[in-house]
C-alpha atoms as a PDB file:
ATOM      1  CA  MET A   1      96.498 308.288  77.820  1.00  0.00           C
ATOM      2  CA  MET A   2      94.000 310.261  80.091  1.00  0.00           C
ATOM      3  CA  THR A   3      92.966 307.554  82.906  1.00  0.00           C
ATOM      4  CA  GLY A   4      91.487 310.189  84.908  1.00  0.00           C
ATOM      5  CA  SER A   5      91.889 313.741  86.122  1.00  0.00           C
ATOM      6  CA  VAL A   6      91.322 315.904  89.086  1.00  0.00           C
ATOM      7  CA  ARG A   7      88.242 317.937  88.926  1.00  0.00           C
ATOM      8  CA  GLU A   8      88.563 321.658  90.165  1.00  0.00           C
ATOM      9  CA  ASP A   9      86.973 320.755  93.849  1.00  0.00           C
ATOM     10  CA  GLY A  10      89.859 318.209  94.178  1.00  0.00           C
ATOM     11  CA  SER A  11      87.705 314.943  93.276  1.00  0.00           C
ATOM     12  CA  VAL A  12      88.983 312.467  90.882  1.00  0.00           C
ATOM     13  CA  SER A  13      86.948 311.704  87.592  1.00  0.00           C
ATOM     14  CA  SER A  14      87.051 308.755  85.481  1.00  0.00           C
ATOM     15  CA  GLY A  15      87.193 310.846  82.238  1.00  0.00           C
ATOM     16  CA  SER A  16      83.782 309.890  81.437  1.00  0.00           C
ATOM     17  CA  ALA A  17      82.493 310.885  78.270  1.00  0.00           C
ATOM     18  CA  ASP A  18      79.655 313.392  79.767  1.00  0.00           C
ATOM     19  CA  MET A  19      82.455 315.713  80.571  1.00  0.00           C
ATOM     20  CA  SER A  20      84.000 318.424  78.365  1.00  0.00           C
ATOM     21  CA  PRO A  21      87.678 318.529  77.636  1.00  0.00           C
ATOM     22  CA  GLU A  22      87.972 321.697  80.118  1.00  0.00           C
ATOM     23  CA  GLN A  23      86.259 319.986  83.055  1.00  0.00           C
ATOM     24  CA  ARG A  24      88.653 316.743  82.556  1.00  0.00           C
ATOM     25  CA  VAL A  25      91.936 319.094  82.227  1.00  0.00           C
ATOM     26  CA  PRO A  26      93.066 319.971  85.712  1.00  0.00           C
ATOM     27  CA  GLU A  27      94.947 322.999  84.640  1.00  0.00           C
ATOM     28  CA  TRP A  28      92.083 324.509  82.645  1.00  0.00           C
ATOM     29  CA  SER A  29      90.449 326.137  86.074  1.00  0.00           C
ATOM     30  CA  GLY A  30      93.774 326.852  87.555  1.00  0.00           C
ATOM     31  CA  ASP A  31      96.723 328.953  87.057  1.00  0.00           C
ATOM     32  CA  HIS A  32      97.614 327.693  83.674  1.00  0.00           C
ATOM     33  CA  LEU A  33     100.945 329.829  83.787  1.00  0.00           C
ATOM     34  CA  ALA A  34     101.913 327.925  87.025  1.00  0.00           C
ATOM     35  CA  ASP A  35     103.746 324.713  86.761  1.00  0.00           C
ATOM     36  CA  PRO A  36     102.966 321.701  89.398  1.00  0.00           C
ATOM     37  CA  GLY A  37     106.004 322.811  91.757  1.00  0.00           C
ATOM     38  CA  GLY A  38     104.390 326.282  91.931  1.00  0.00           C
ATOM     39  CA  ALA A  39     107.078 328.232  89.623  1.00  0.00           C
ATOM     40  CA  VAL A  40     105.593 330.627  86.828  1.00  0.00           C
ATOM     41  CA  LEU A  41     106.608 329.775  83.540  1.00  0.00           C
ATOM     42  CA  ASP A  42     107.719 332.834  81.181  1.00  0.00           C
ATOM     43  CA  GLY A  43     104.572 333.986  79.313  1.00  0.00           C
ATOM     44  CA  ASP A  44     106.383 333.782  75.933  1.00  0.00           C
ATOM     45  CA  ALA A  45     106.444 329.958  76.514  1.00  0.00           C
ATOM     46  CA  PHE A  46     102.888 329.694  75.318  1.00  0.00           C
ATOM     47  CA  GLY A  47     103.370 332.142  72.077  1.00  0.00           C
ATOM     48  CA  VAL A  48     103.225 335.594  71.174  1.00  0.00           C
ATOM     49  CA  ASP A  49     100.228 337.514  72.635  1.00  0.00           C
ATOM     50  CA  PRO A  50      97.347 337.579  70.108  1.00  0.00           C
ATOM     51  CA  THR A  51      96.829 341.303  70.168  1.00  0.00           C
ATOM     52  CA  GLU A  52     100.746 341.796  68.903  1.00  0.00           C
ATOM     53  CA  LEU A  53     100.162 339.613  65.711  1.00  0.00           C
ATOM     54  CA  THR A  54      99.410 340.838  62.144  1.00  0.00           C
ATOM     55  CA  ASP A  55      96.061 339.399  60.733  1.00  0.00           C
ATOM     56  CA  GLU A  56      98.132 337.294  58.483  1.00  0.00           C
ATOM     57  CA  ASP A  57      99.789 335.727  61.561  1.00  0.00           C
ATOM     58  CA  LEU A  58      96.946 335.459  63.732  1.00  0.00           C
ATOM     59  CA  ILE A  59      95.338 333.369  60.844  1.00  0.00           C
ATOM     60  CA  ARG A  60      98.461 331.290  60.045  1.00  0.00           C
ATOM     61  CA  GLU A  61      98.428 330.468  63.965  1.00  0.00           C
ATOM     62  CA  MET A  62      94.684 329.594  64.093  1.00  0.00           C
ATOM     63  CA  HIS A  63      95.333 327.098  60.995  1.00  0.00           C
ATOM     64  CA  SER A  64      98.198 325.625  62.866  1.00  0.00           C
ATOM     65  CA  LEU A  65      96.016 324.923  66.036  1.00  0.00           C
ATOM     66  CA  HIS A  66      93.346 323.580  64.030  1.00  0.00           C
ATOM     67  CA  ARG A  67      95.251 321.218  62.155  1.00  0.00           C
ATOM     68  CA  THR A  68      96.700 319.746  65.080  1.00  0.00           C
ATOM     69  CA  ARG A  69      93.361 319.861  67.086  1.00  0.00           C
ATOM     70  CA  LEU A  70      92.385 316.134  67.043  1.00  0.00           C
ATOM     71  CA  ASP A  71      95.929 314.826  67.601  1.00  0.00           C
ATOM     72  CA  THR A  72      96.101 317.248  70.699  1.00  0.00           C
ATOM     73  CA  LEU A  73      92.718 316.101  71.941  1.00  0.00           C
ATOM     74  CA  ARG A  74      93.058 312.429  71.427  1.00  0.00           C
ATOM     75  CA  HIS A  75      97.038 311.808  72.305  1.00  0.00           C
ATOM     76  CA  ALA A  76      98.479 315.045  74.293  1.00  0.00           C
ATOM     77  CA  SER A  77      99.205 315.202  78.285  1.00  0.00           C
ATOM     78  CA  ASP A  78      96.476 316.963  79.894  1.00  0.00           C
ATOM     79  CA  SER A  79      99.076 319.799  80.375  1.00  0.00           C
ATOM     80  CA  ALA A  80      99.454 320.108  76.349  1.00  0.00           C
ATOM     81  CA  LEU A  81      95.686 320.125  76.006  1.00  0.00           C
ATOM     82  CA  ALA A  82      95.037 322.863  78.419  1.00  0.00           C
ATOM     83  CA  THR A  83      97.513 324.667  76.635  1.00  0.00           C
ATOM     84  CA  HIS A  84      96.086 324.036  73.221  1.00  0.00           C
ATOM     85  CA  LEU A  85      92.625 325.017  74.640  1.00  0.00           C
ATOM     86  CA  ARG A  86      93.836 328.310  76.215  1.00  0.00           C
ATOM     87  CA  ARG A  87      95.679 329.142  73.124  1.00  0.00           C
ATOM     88  CA  THR A  88      93.014 328.348  70.792  1.00  0.00           C
ATOM     89  CA  ALA A  89      90.523 330.520  72.825  1.00  0.00           C
ATOM     90  CA  GLU A  90      93.000 333.284  72.934  1.00  0.00           C
ATOM     91  CA  LEU A  91      93.668 333.640  69.205  1.00  0.00           C
ATOM     92  CA  GLU A  92      89.892 333.043  68.396  1.00  0.00           C
ATOM     93  CA  THR A  93      88.869 335.797  70.855  1.00  0.00           C
ATOM     94  CA  GLU A  94      91.339 338.220  69.203  1.00  0.00           C
ATOM     95  CA  TYR A  95      90.078 337.409  65.615  1.00  0.00           C
ATOM     96  CA  LEU A  96      86.412 338.109  66.733  1.00  0.00           C
ATOM     97  CA  ALA A  97      87.483 341.187  68.392  1.00  0.00           C
ATOM     98  CA  ARG A  98      89.071 342.428  65.072  1.00  0.00           C
ATOM     99  CA  HIS A  99      86.441 340.879  62.819  1.00  0.00           C
ATOM    100  CA  PRO A 100      83.266 341.398  64.452  1.00  0.00           C
ATOM    101  CA  GLY A 101      81.108 341.930  61.130  1.00  0.00           C
ATOM    102  CA  ARG A 102      83.033 338.742  59.957  1.00  0.00           C
ATOM    103  CA  GLU A 103      81.211 337.159  56.824  1.00  0.00           C
ATOM    104  CA  VAL A 104      78.835 334.792  57.276  1.00  0.00           C
ATOM    105  CA  ASP A 105      78.219 332.087  54.583  1.00  0.00           C
ATOM    106  CA  PRO A 106      74.370 332.104  53.862  1.00  0.00           C
ATOM    107  CA  SER A 107      74.805 328.276  53.340  1.00  0.00           C
ATOM    108  CA  ARG A 108      75.948 327.726  56.942  1.00  0.00           C
ATOM    109  CA  LEU A 109      72.734 329.275  58.616  1.00  0.00           C
ATOM    110  CA  ARG A 110      69.808 327.144  59.729  1.00  0.00           C
ATOM    111  CA  ASP A 111      66.160 328.160  59.392  1.00  0.00           C
ATOM    112  CA  ASP A 112      64.842 328.886  62.766  1.00  0.00           C
END
């Protein structure tokens, strides 16, 4: 259970609802590859570089992350949530780079 977090400026928050998950997770703004003791973890600890994945593997990885999203957000440690957020951003960024002209479902569009 997240009872508070350390912000980038070092102040402690109460985890208020007006803050995004990124603001509540101390590792988000810092070096996400360094552990609290300062040792750098092996880069493979967080998964294969998205640029090295086939399209099929990239989609499979995104499905897995999205399937576990709510559980991770609600119940994982701050460190696990930071890793989840970072990995999701990496995979989705790679997907968008590969598919800039992705199909947009007209029923998902709003009238402006």
